[in-house]
ModelCIF file with pLDDT and N, C-alpha, C, O atoms, coordinates in Angstrom:
data_MODEL
#
_entry.id   MODEL 
#
_entity.id                         1 
_entity.type                       polymer 
_entity.pdbx_number_of_molecules   1 
#
_entity_poly.entity_id                      1 
_entity_poly.type                           'polypeptide(L)' 
_entity_poly.nstd_linkage                   no 
_entity_poly.nstd_monomer                   no 
_entity_poly.pdbx_seq_one_letter_code       AWAGTTYRDLETLALRLAELGPLTPAALRDATGTSRK 
_entity_poly.pdbx_seq_one_letter_code_can   AWAGTTYRDLETLALRLAELGPLTPAALRDATGTSRK 
_entity_poly.pdbx_strand_id                 A 
#
loop_
_entity_poly_seq.entity_id 
_entity_poly_seq.num 
_entity_poly_seq.mon_id 
_entity_poly_seq.hetero 
1 1  ALA n 
1 2  TRP n 
1 3  ALA n 
1 4  GLY n 
1 5  THR n 
1 6  THR n 
1 7  TYR n 
1 8  ARG n 
1 9  ASP n 
1 10 LEU n 
1 11 GLU n 
1 12 THR n 
1 13 LEU n 
1 14 ALA n 
1 15 LEU n 
1 16 ARG n 
1 17 LEU n 
1 18 ALA n 
1 19 GLU n 
1 20 LEU n 
1 21 GLY n 
1 22 PRO n 
1 23 LEU n 
1 24 THR n 
1 25 PRO n 
1 26 ALA n 
1 27 ALA n 
1 28 LEU n 
1 29 ARG n 
1 30 ASP n 
1 31 ALA n 
1 32 THR n 
1 33 GLY n 
1 34 THR n 
1 35 SER n 
1 36 ARG n 
1 37 LYS n 
#
_struct_asym.id          A 
_struct_asym.entity_id   1 
#
loop_
_ma_qa_metric.id 
_ma_qa_metric.mode 
_ma_qa_metric.name 
_ma_qa_metric.software_group_id 
_ma_qa_metric.type 
1 global pLDDT . pLDDT 
2 local  pLDDT . pLDDT 
#
_ma_qa_metric_global.metric_id      1 
_ma_qa_metric_global.metric_value   93.14 
_ma_qa_metric_global.model_id       1 
_ma_qa_metric_global.ordinal_id     1 
#
loop_
_ma_qa_metric_local.label_asym_id 
_ma_qa_metric_local.label_comp_id 
_ma_qa_metric_local.label_seq_id 
_ma_qa_metric_local.metric_id 
_ma_qa_metric_local.metric_value 
_ma_qa_metric_local.model_id 
_ma_qa_metric_local.ordinal_id 
A ALA 1  2 96.00 1 1  
A TRP 2  2 95.00 1 2  
A ALA 3  2 93.00 1 3  
A GLY 4  2 91.00 1 4  
A THR 5  2 91.00 1 5  
A THR 6  2 94.00 1 6  
A TYR 7  2 94.00 1 7  
A ARG 8  2 92.00 1 8  
A ASP 9  2 93.00 1 9  
A LEU 10 2 95.00 1 10 
A GLU 11 2 94.00 1 11 
A THR 12 2 93.00 1 12 
A LEU 13 2 94.00 1 13 
A ALA 14 2 94.00 1 14 
A LEU 15 2 93.00 1 15 
A ARG 16 2 92.00 1 16 
A LEU 17 2 94.00 1 17 
A ALA 18 2 92.00 1 18 
A GLU 19 2 91.00 1 19 
A LEU 20 2 90.00 1 20 
A GLY 21 2 91.00 1 21 
A PRO 22 2 94.00 1 22 
A LEU 23 2 94.00 1 23 
A THR 24 2 94.00 1 24 
A PRO 25 2 94.00 1 25 
A ALA 26 2 94.00 1 26 
A ALA 27 2 94.00 1 27 
A LEU 28 2 94.00 1 28 
A ARG 29 2 93.00 1 29 
A ASP 30 2 93.00 1 30 
A ALA 31 2 93.00 1 31 
A THR 32 2 93.00 1 32 
A GLY 33 2 92.00 1 33 
A THR 34 2 93.00 1 34 
A SER 35 2 93.00 1 35 
A ARG 36 2 93.00 1 36 
A LYS 37 2 93.00 1 37 
#
loop_
_atom_site.group_PDB 
_atom_site.id 
_atom_site.type_symbol 
_atom_site.label_atom_id 
_atom_site.label_alt_id 
_atom_site.label_comp_id 
_atom_site.label_asym_id 
_atom_site.label_entity_id 
_atom_site.label_seq_id 
_atom_site.pdbx_PDB_ins_code 
_atom_site.Cartn_x 
_atom_site.Cartn_y 
_atom_site.Cartn_z 
_atom_site.occupancy 
_atom_site.B_iso_or_equiv 
_atom_site.pdbx_formal_charge 
_atom_site.auth_seq_id 
_atom_site.auth_comp_id 
_atom_site.auth_asym_id 
_atom_site.auth_atom_id 
_atom_site.pdbx_PDB_model_num 
ATOM 1   N N  . ALA A 1 1  ? 2.474  4.360   13.381  1.00 96.00 ? 1  ALA A N  1 
ATOM 2   C CA . ALA A 1 1  ? 1.185  5.026   13.243  1.00 96.00 ? 1  ALA A CA 1 
ATOM 3   C C  . ALA A 1 1  ? 1.258  6.001   12.077  1.00 96.00 ? 1  ALA A C  1 
ATOM 4   O O  . ALA A 1 1  ? 2.318  6.553   11.779  1.00 96.00 ? 1  ALA A O  1 
ATOM 5   N N  . TRP A 1 2  ? 0.123  6.207   11.423  1.00 95.00 ? 2  TRP A N  1 
ATOM 6   C CA . TRP A 1 2  ? 0.001  7.186   10.348  1.00 95.00 ? 2  TRP A CA 1 
ATOM 7   C C  . TRP A 1 2  ? -1.085 8.197   10.698  1.00 95.00 ? 2  TRP A C  1 
ATOM 8   O O  . TRP A 1 2  ? -1.990 7.901   11.479  1.00 95.00 ? 2  TRP A O  1 
ATOM 9   N N  . ALA A 1 3  ? -0.993 9.359   10.133  1.00 93.00 ? 3  ALA A N  1 
ATOM 10  C CA . ALA A 1 3  ? -2.134 10.276  10.171  1.00 93.00 ? 3  ALA A CA 1 
ATOM 11  C C  . ALA A 1 3  ? -3.312 9.585   9.504   1.00 93.00 ? 3  ALA A C  1 
ATOM 12  O O  . ALA A 1 3  ? -3.124 8.787   8.585   1.00 93.00 ? 3  ALA A O  1 
ATOM 13  N N  . GLY A 1 4  ? -4.522 9.881   9.956   1.00 91.00 ? 4  GLY A N  1 
ATOM 14  C CA . GLY A 1 4  ? -5.693 9.188   9.431   1.00 91.00 ? 4  GLY A CA 1 
ATOM 15  C C  . GLY A 1 4  ? -5.844 9.327   7.929   1.00 91.00 ? 4  GLY A C  1 
ATOM 16  O O  . GLY A 1 4  ? -6.180 8.359   7.248   1.00 91.00 ? 4  GLY A O  1 
ATOM 17  N N  . THR A 1 5  ? -5.600 10.518  7.405   1.00 91.00 ? 5  THR A N  1 
ATOM 18  C CA . THR A 1 5  ? -5.740 10.710  5.958   1.00 91.00 ? 5  THR A CA 1 
ATOM 19  C C  . THR A 1 5  ? -4.694 9.904   5.196   1.00 91.00 ? 5  THR A C  1 
ATOM 20  O O  . THR A 1 5  ? -4.997 9.347   4.142   1.00 91.00 ? 5  THR A O  1 
ATOM 21  N N  . THR A 1 6  ? -3.472 9.834   5.711   1.00 94.00 ? 6  THR A N  1 
ATOM 22  C CA . THR A 1 6  ? -2.411 9.073   5.051   1.00 94.00 ? 6  THR A CA 1 
ATOM 23  C C  . THR A 1 6  ? -2.732 7.581   5.070   1.00 94.00 ? 6  THR A C  1 
ATOM 24  O O  . THR A 1 6  ? -2.537 6.889   4.071   1.00 94.00 ? 6  THR A O  1 
ATOM 25  N N  . TYR A 1 7  ? -3.220 7.088   6.199   1.00 94.00 ? 7  TYR A N  1 
ATOM 26  C CA . TYR A 1 7  ? -3.564 5.669   6.292   1.00 94.00 ? 7  TYR A CA 1 
ATOM 27  C C  . TYR A 1 7  ? -4.656 5.318   5.280   1.00 94.00 ? 7  TYR A C  1 
ATOM 28  O O  . TYR A 1 7  ? -4.582 4.275   4.631   1.00 94.00 ? 7  TYR A O  1 
ATOM 29  N N  . ARG A 1 8  ? -5.655 6.171   5.140   1.00 92.00 ? 8  ARG A N  1 
ATOM 30  C CA . ARG A 1 8  ? -6.733 5.866   4.207   1.00 92.00 ? 8  ARG A CA 1 
ATOM 31  C C  . ARG A 1 8  ? -6.230 5.895   2.761   1.00 92.00 ? 8  ARG A C  1 
ATOM 32  O O  . ARG A 1 8  ? -6.696 5.117   1.929   1.00 92.00 ? 8  ARG A O  1 
ATOM 33  N N  . ASP A 1 9  ? -5.282 6.790   2.458   1.00 93.00 ? 9  ASP A N  1 
ATOM 34  C CA . ASP A 1 9  ? -4.690 6.807   1.122   1.00 93.00 ? 9  ASP A CA 1 
ATOM 35  C C  . ASP A 1 9  ? -3.928 5.506   0.859   1.00 93.00 ? 9  ASP A C  1 
ATOM 36  O O  . ASP A 1 9  ? -4.016 4.944   -0.233  1.00 93.00 ? 9  ASP A O  1 
ATOM 37  N N  . LEU A 1 10 ? -3.179 5.028   1.859   1.00 95.00 ? 10 LEU A N  1 
ATOM 38  C CA . LEU A 1 10 ? -2.437 3.777   1.702   1.00 95.00 ? 10 LEU A CA 1 
ATOM 39  C C  . LEU A 1 10 ? -3.390 2.591   1.550   1.00 95.00 ? 10 LEU A C  1 
ATOM 40  O O  . LEU A 1 10 ? -3.121 1.672   0.777   1.00 95.00 ? 10 LEU A O  1 
ATOM 41  N N  . GLU A 1 11 ? -4.483 2.613   2.275   1.00 94.00 ? 11 GLU A N  1 
ATOM 42  C CA . GLU A 1 11 ? -5.481 1.542   2.170   1.00 94.00 ? 11 GLU A CA 1 
ATOM 43  C C  . GLU A 1 11 ? -6.086 1.514   0.765   1.00 94.00 ? 11 GLU A C  1 
ATOM 44  O O  . GLU A 1 11 ? -6.256 0.442   0.183   1.00 94.00 ? 11 GLU A O  1 
ATOM 45  N N  . THR A 1 12 ? -6.409 2.684   0.223   1.00 93.00 ? 12 THR A N  1 
ATOM 46  C CA . THR A 1 12 ? -6.977 2.757   -1.129  1.00 93.00 ? 12 THR A CA 1 
ATOM 47  C C  . THR A 1 12 ? -5.990 2.226   -2.172  1.00 93.00 ? 12 THR A C  1 
ATOM 48  O O  . THR A 1 12 ? -6.361 1.506   -3.098  1.00 93.00 ? 12 THR A O  1 
ATOM 49  N N  . LEU A 1 13 ? -4.713 2.607   -1.989  1.00 94.00 ? 13 LEU A N  1 
ATOM 50  C CA . LEU A 1 13 ? -3.680 2.132   -2.918  1.00 94.00 ? 13 LEU A CA 1 
ATOM 51  C C  . LEU A 1 13 ? -3.545 0.620   -2.850  1.00 94.00 ? 13 LEU A C  1 
ATOM 52  O O  . LEU A 1 13 ? -3.459 -0.028  -3.893  1.00 94.00 ? 13 LEU A O  1 
ATOM 53  N N  . ALA A 1 14 ? -3.523 0.044   -1.671  1.00 94.00 ? 14 ALA A N  1 
ATOM 54  C CA . ALA A 1 14 ? -3.387 -1.399  -1.515  1.00 94.00 ? 14 ALA A CA 1 
ATOM 55  C C  . ALA A 1 14 ? -4.569 -2.130  -2.148  1.00 94.00 ? 14 ALA A C  1 
ATOM 56  O O  . ALA A 1 14 ? -4.375 -3.160  -2.793  1.00 94.00 ? 14 ALA A O  1 
ATOM 57  N N  . LEU A 1 15 ? -5.778 -1.624  -1.980  1.00 93.00 ? 15 LEU A N  1 
ATOM 58  C CA . LEU A 1 15 ? -6.957 -2.270  -2.582  1.00 93.00 ? 15 LEU A CA 1 
ATOM 59  C C  . LEU A 1 15 ? -6.899 -2.222  -4.107  1.00 93.00 ? 15 LEU A C  1 
ATOM 60  O O  . LEU A 1 15 ? -7.240 -3.197  -4.776  1.00 93.00 ? 15 LEU A O  1 
ATOM 61  N N  . ARG A 1 16 ? -6.466 -1.086  -4.652  1.00 92.00 ? 16 ARG A N  1 
ATOM 62  C CA . ARG A 1 16 ? -6.388 -0.973  -6.109  1.00 92.00 ? 16 ARG A CA 1 
ATOM 63  C C  . ARG A 1 16 ? -5.360 -1.956  -6.676  1.00 92.00 ? 16 ARG A C  1 
ATOM 64  O O  . ARG A 1 16 ? -5.585 -2.553  -7.729  1.00 92.00 ? 16 ARG A O  1 
ATOM 65  N N  . LEU A 1 17 ? -4.242 -2.123  -5.983  1.00 94.00 ? 17 LEU A N  1 
ATOM 66  C CA . LEU A 1 17 ? -3.230 -3.076  -6.453  1.00 94.00 ? 17 LEU A CA 1 
ATOM 67  C C  . LEU A 1 17 ? -3.727 -4.512  -6.303  1.00 94.00 ? 17 LEU A C  1 
ATOM 68  O O  . LEU A 1 17 ? -3.439 -5.359  -7.149  1.00 94.00 ? 17 LEU A O  1 
ATOM 69  N N  . ALA A 1 18 ? -4.479 -4.792  -5.223  1.00 92.00 ? 18 ALA A N  1 
ATOM 70  C CA . ALA A 1 18 ? -4.979 -6.153  -5.005  1.00 92.00 ? 18 ALA A CA 1 
ATOM 71  C C  . ALA A 1 18 ? -6.006 -6.548  -6.057  1.00 92.00 ? 18 ALA A C  1 
ATOM 72  O O  . ALA A 1 18 ? -6.190 -7.738  -6.310  1.00 92.00 ? 18 ALA A O  1 
ATOM 73  N N  . GLU A 1 19 ? -6.684 -5.577  -6.682  1.00 91.00 ? 19 GLU A N  1 
ATOM 74  C CA . GLU A 1 19 ? -7.652 -5.883  -7.740  1.00 91.00 ? 19 GLU A CA 1 
ATOM 75  C C  . GLU A 1 19 ? -6.958 -6.342  -9.015  1.00 91.00 ? 19 GLU A C  1 
ATOM 76  O O  . GLU A 1 19 ? -7.553 -7.047  -9.829  1.00 91.00 ? 19 GLU A O  1 
ATOM 77  N N  . LEU A 1 20 ? -5.717 -5.950  -9.188  1.00 90.00 ? 20 LEU A N  1 
ATOM 78  C CA . LEU A 1 20 ? -4.971 -6.334  -10.398 1.00 90.00 ? 20 LEU A CA 1 
ATOM 79  C C  . LEU A 1 20 ? -4.380 -7.729  -10.286 1.00 90.00 ? 20 LEU A C  1 
ATOM 80  O O  . LEU A 1 20 ? -3.983 -8.334  -11.282 1.00 90.00 ? 20 LEU A O  1 
ATOM 81  N N  . GLY A 1 21 ? -4.329 -8.231  -9.054  1.00 91.00 ? 21 GLY A N  1 
ATOM 82  C CA . GLY A 1 21 ? -3.765 -9.559  -8.807  1.00 91.00 ? 21 GLY A CA 1 
ATOM 83  C C  . GLY A 1 21 ? -3.292 -9.635  -7.373  1.00 91.00 ? 21 GLY A C  1 
ATOM 84  O O  . GLY A 1 21 ? -3.234 -8.608  -6.696  1.00 91.00 ? 21 GLY A O  1 
ATOM 85  N N  . PRO A 1 22 ? -2.947 -10.835 -6.879  1.00 94.00 ? 22 PRO A N  1 
ATOM 86  C CA . PRO A 1 22 ? -2.492 -10.951 -5.499  1.00 94.00 ? 22 PRO A CA 1 
ATOM 87  C C  . PRO A 1 22 ? -1.368 -9.958  -5.215  1.00 94.00 ? 22 PRO A C  1 
ATOM 88  O O  . PRO A 1 22 ? -0.392 -9.873  -5.960  1.00 94.00 ? 22 PRO A O  1 
ATOM 89  N N  . LEU A 1 23 ? -1.525 -9.214  -4.129  1.00 94.00 ? 23 LEU A N  1 
ATOM 90  C CA . LEU A 1 23 ? -0.591 -8.139  -3.772  1.00 94.00 ? 23 LEU A CA 1 
ATOM 91  C C  . LEU A 1 23 ? 0.511  -8.694  -2.881  1.00 94.00 ? 23 LEU A C  1 
ATOM 92  O O  . LEU A 1 23 ? 0.242  -9.260  -1.821  1.00 94.00 ? 23 LEU A O  1 
ATOM 93  N N  . THR A 1 24 ? 1.752  -8.528  -3.319  1.00 94.00 ? 24 THR A N  1 
ATOM 94  C CA . THR A 1 24 ? 2.898  -8.977  -2.525  1.00 94.00 ? 24 THR A CA 1 
ATOM 95  C C  . THR A 1 24 ? 3.480  -7.801  -1.755  1.00 94.00 ? 24 THR A C  1 
ATOM 96  O O  . THR A 1 24 ? 3.283  -6.649  -2.142  1.00 94.00 ? 24 THR A O  1 
ATOM 97  N N  . PRO A 1 25 ? 4.199  -8.081  -0.659  1.00 94.00 ? 25 PRO A N  1 
ATOM 98  C CA . PRO A 1 25 ? 4.844  -6.997  0.079   1.00 94.00 ? 25 PRO A CA 1 
ATOM 99  C C  . PRO A 1 25 ? 5.812  -6.201  -0.791  1.00 94.00 ? 25 PRO A C  1 
ATOM 100 O O  . PRO A 1 25 ? 5.921  -4.984  -0.640  1.00 94.00 ? 25 PRO A O  1 
ATOM 101 N N  . ALA A 1 26 ? 6.508  -6.867  -1.688  1.00 94.00 ? 26 ALA A N  1 
ATOM 102 C CA . ALA A 1 26 ? 7.476  -6.160  -2.527  1.00 94.00 ? 26 ALA A CA 1 
ATOM 103 C C  . ALA A 1 26 ? 6.778  -5.163  -3.440  1.00 94.00 ? 26 ALA A C  1 
ATOM 104 O O  . ALA A 1 26 ? 7.249  -4.040  -3.617  1.00 94.00 ? 26 ALA A O  1 
ATOM 105 N N  . ALA A 1 27 ? 5.628  -5.585  -4.033  1.00 94.00 ? 27 ALA A N  1 
ATOM 106 C CA . ALA A 1 27 ? 4.895  -4.689  -4.927  1.00 94.00 ? 27 ALA A CA 1 
ATOM 107 C C  . ALA A 1 27 ? 4.390  -3.462  -4.173  1.00 94.00 ? 27 ALA A C  1 
ATOM 108 O O  . ALA A 1 27 ? 4.465  -2.345  -4.685  1.00 94.00 ? 27 ALA A O  1 
ATOM 109 N N  . LEU A 1 28 ? 3.874  -3.666  -2.956  1.00 94.00 ? 28 LEU A N  1 
ATOM 110 C CA . LEU A 1 28 ? 3.375  -2.541  -2.178  1.00 94.00 ? 28 LEU A CA 1 
ATOM 111 C C  . LEU A 1 28 ? 4.527  -1.644  -1.737  1.00 94.00 ? 28 LEU A C  1 
ATOM 112 O O  . LEU A 1 28 ? 4.373  -0.424  -1.675  1.00 94.00 ? 28 LEU A O  1 
ATOM 113 N N  . ARG A 1 29 ? 5.682  -2.240  -1.429  1.00 93.00 ? 29 ARG A N  1 
ATOM 114 C CA . ARG A 1 29 ? 6.841  -1.430  -1.039  1.00 93.00 ? 29 ARG A CA 1 
ATOM 115 C C  . ARG A 1 29 ? 7.277  -0.522  -2.174  1.00 93.00 ? 29 ARG A C  1 
ATOM 116 O O  . ARG A 1 29 ? 7.575  0.655   -1.967  1.00 93.00 ? 29 ARG A O  1 
ATOM 117 N N  . ASP A 1 30 ? 7.311  -1.089  -3.389  1.00 93.00 ? 30 ASP A N  1 
ATOM 118 C CA . ASP A 1 30 ? 7.722  -0.279  -4.533  1.00 93.00 ? 30 ASP A CA 1 
ATOM 119 C C  . ASP A 1 30 ? 6.721  0.828   -4.814  1.00 93.00 ? 30 ASP A C  1 
ATOM 120 O O  . ASP A 1 30 ? 7.106  1.938   -5.179  1.00 93.00 ? 30 ASP A O  1 
ATOM 121 N N  . ALA A 1 31 ? 5.419  0.528   -4.644  1.00 93.00 ? 31 ALA A N  1 
ATOM 122 C CA . ALA A 1 31 ? 4.383  1.518   -4.946  1.00 93.00 ? 31 ALA A CA 1 
ATOM 123 C C  . ALA A 1 31 ? 4.380  2.665   -3.943  1.00 93.00 ? 31 ALA A C  1 
ATOM 124 O O  . ALA A 1 31 ? 4.073  3.800   -4.308  1.00 93.00 ? 31 ALA A O  1 
ATOM 125 N N  . THR A 1 32 ? 4.715  2.390   -2.688  1.00 93.00 ? 32 THR A N  1 
ATOM 126 C CA . THR A 1 32 ? 4.673  3.425   -1.653  1.00 93.00 ? 32 THR A CA 1 
ATOM 127 C C  . THR A 1 32 ? 6.016  4.099   -1.439  1.00 93.00 ? 32 THR A C  1 
ATOM 128 O O  . THR A 1 32 ? 6.073  5.184   -0.860  1.00 93.00 ? 32 THR A O  1 
ATOM 129 N N  . GLY A 1 33 ? 7.115  3.471   -1.900  1.00 92.00 ? 33 GLY A N  1 
ATOM 130 C CA . GLY A 1 33 ? 8.433  4.031   -1.689  1.00 92.00 ? 33 GLY A CA 1 
ATOM 131 C C  . GLY A 1 33 ? 8.866  3.966   -0.235  1.00 92.00 ? 33 GLY A C  1 
ATOM 132 O O  . GLY A 1 33 ? 9.661  4.788   0.222   1.00 92.00 ? 33 GLY A O  1 
ATOM 133 N N  . THR A 1 34 ? 8.341  2.986   0.490   1.00 93.00 ? 34 THR A N  1 
ATOM 134 C CA . THR A 1 34 ? 8.700  2.854   1.902   1.00 93.00 ? 34 THR A CA 1 
ATOM 135 C C  . THR A 1 34 ? 9.566  1.616   2.094   1.00 93.00 ? 34 THR A C  1 
ATOM 136 O O  . THR A 1 34 ? 10.137 1.097   1.135   1.00 93.00 ? 34 THR A O  1 
ATOM 137 N N  . SER A 1 35 ? 9.661  1.148   3.323   1.00 93.00 ? 35 SER A N  1 
ATOM 138 C CA . SER A 1 35 ? 10.449 -0.043  3.631   1.00 93.00 ? 35 SER A CA 1 
ATOM 139 C C  . SER A 1 35 ? 9.519  -1.188  4.033   1.00 93.00 ? 35 SER A C  1 
ATOM 140 O O  . SER A 1 35 ? 8.315  -1.007  4.218   1.00 93.00 ? 35 SER A O  1 
ATOM 141 N N  . ARG A 1 36 ? 10.135 -2.401  4.164   1.00 93.00 ? 36 ARG A N  1 
ATOM 142 C CA . ARG A 1 36 ? 9.353  -3.587  4.515   1.00 93.00 ? 36 ARG A CA 1 
ATOM 143 C C  . ARG A 1 36 ? 8.659  -3.401  5.883   1.00 93.00 ? 36 ARG A C  1 
ATOM 144 O O  . ARG A 1 36 ? 7.569  -3.928  6.105   1.00 93.00 ? 36 ARG A O  1 
ATOM 145 N N  . LYS A 1 37 ? 9.306  -2.640  6.800   1.00 93.00 ? 37 LYS A N  1 
ATOM 146 C CA . LYS A 1 37 ? 8.724  -2.397  8.121   1.00 93.00 ? 37 LYS A CA 1 
ATOM 147 C C  . LYS A 1 37 ? 7.308  -1.833  8.009   1.00 93.00 ? 37 LYS A C  1 
ATOM 148 O O  . LYS A 1 37 ? 6.666  -1.569  9.026   1.00 93.00 ? 37 LYS A O  1 
#
């Protein structure tokens, strides 16, 4: 679970990356600095 504000920030980031091209899990992992989980 994430705090609501954090989740919305992650959602915005994922949408912006998906506009540049198909978003892979690896690309999102690198952008967020988190793990595959």
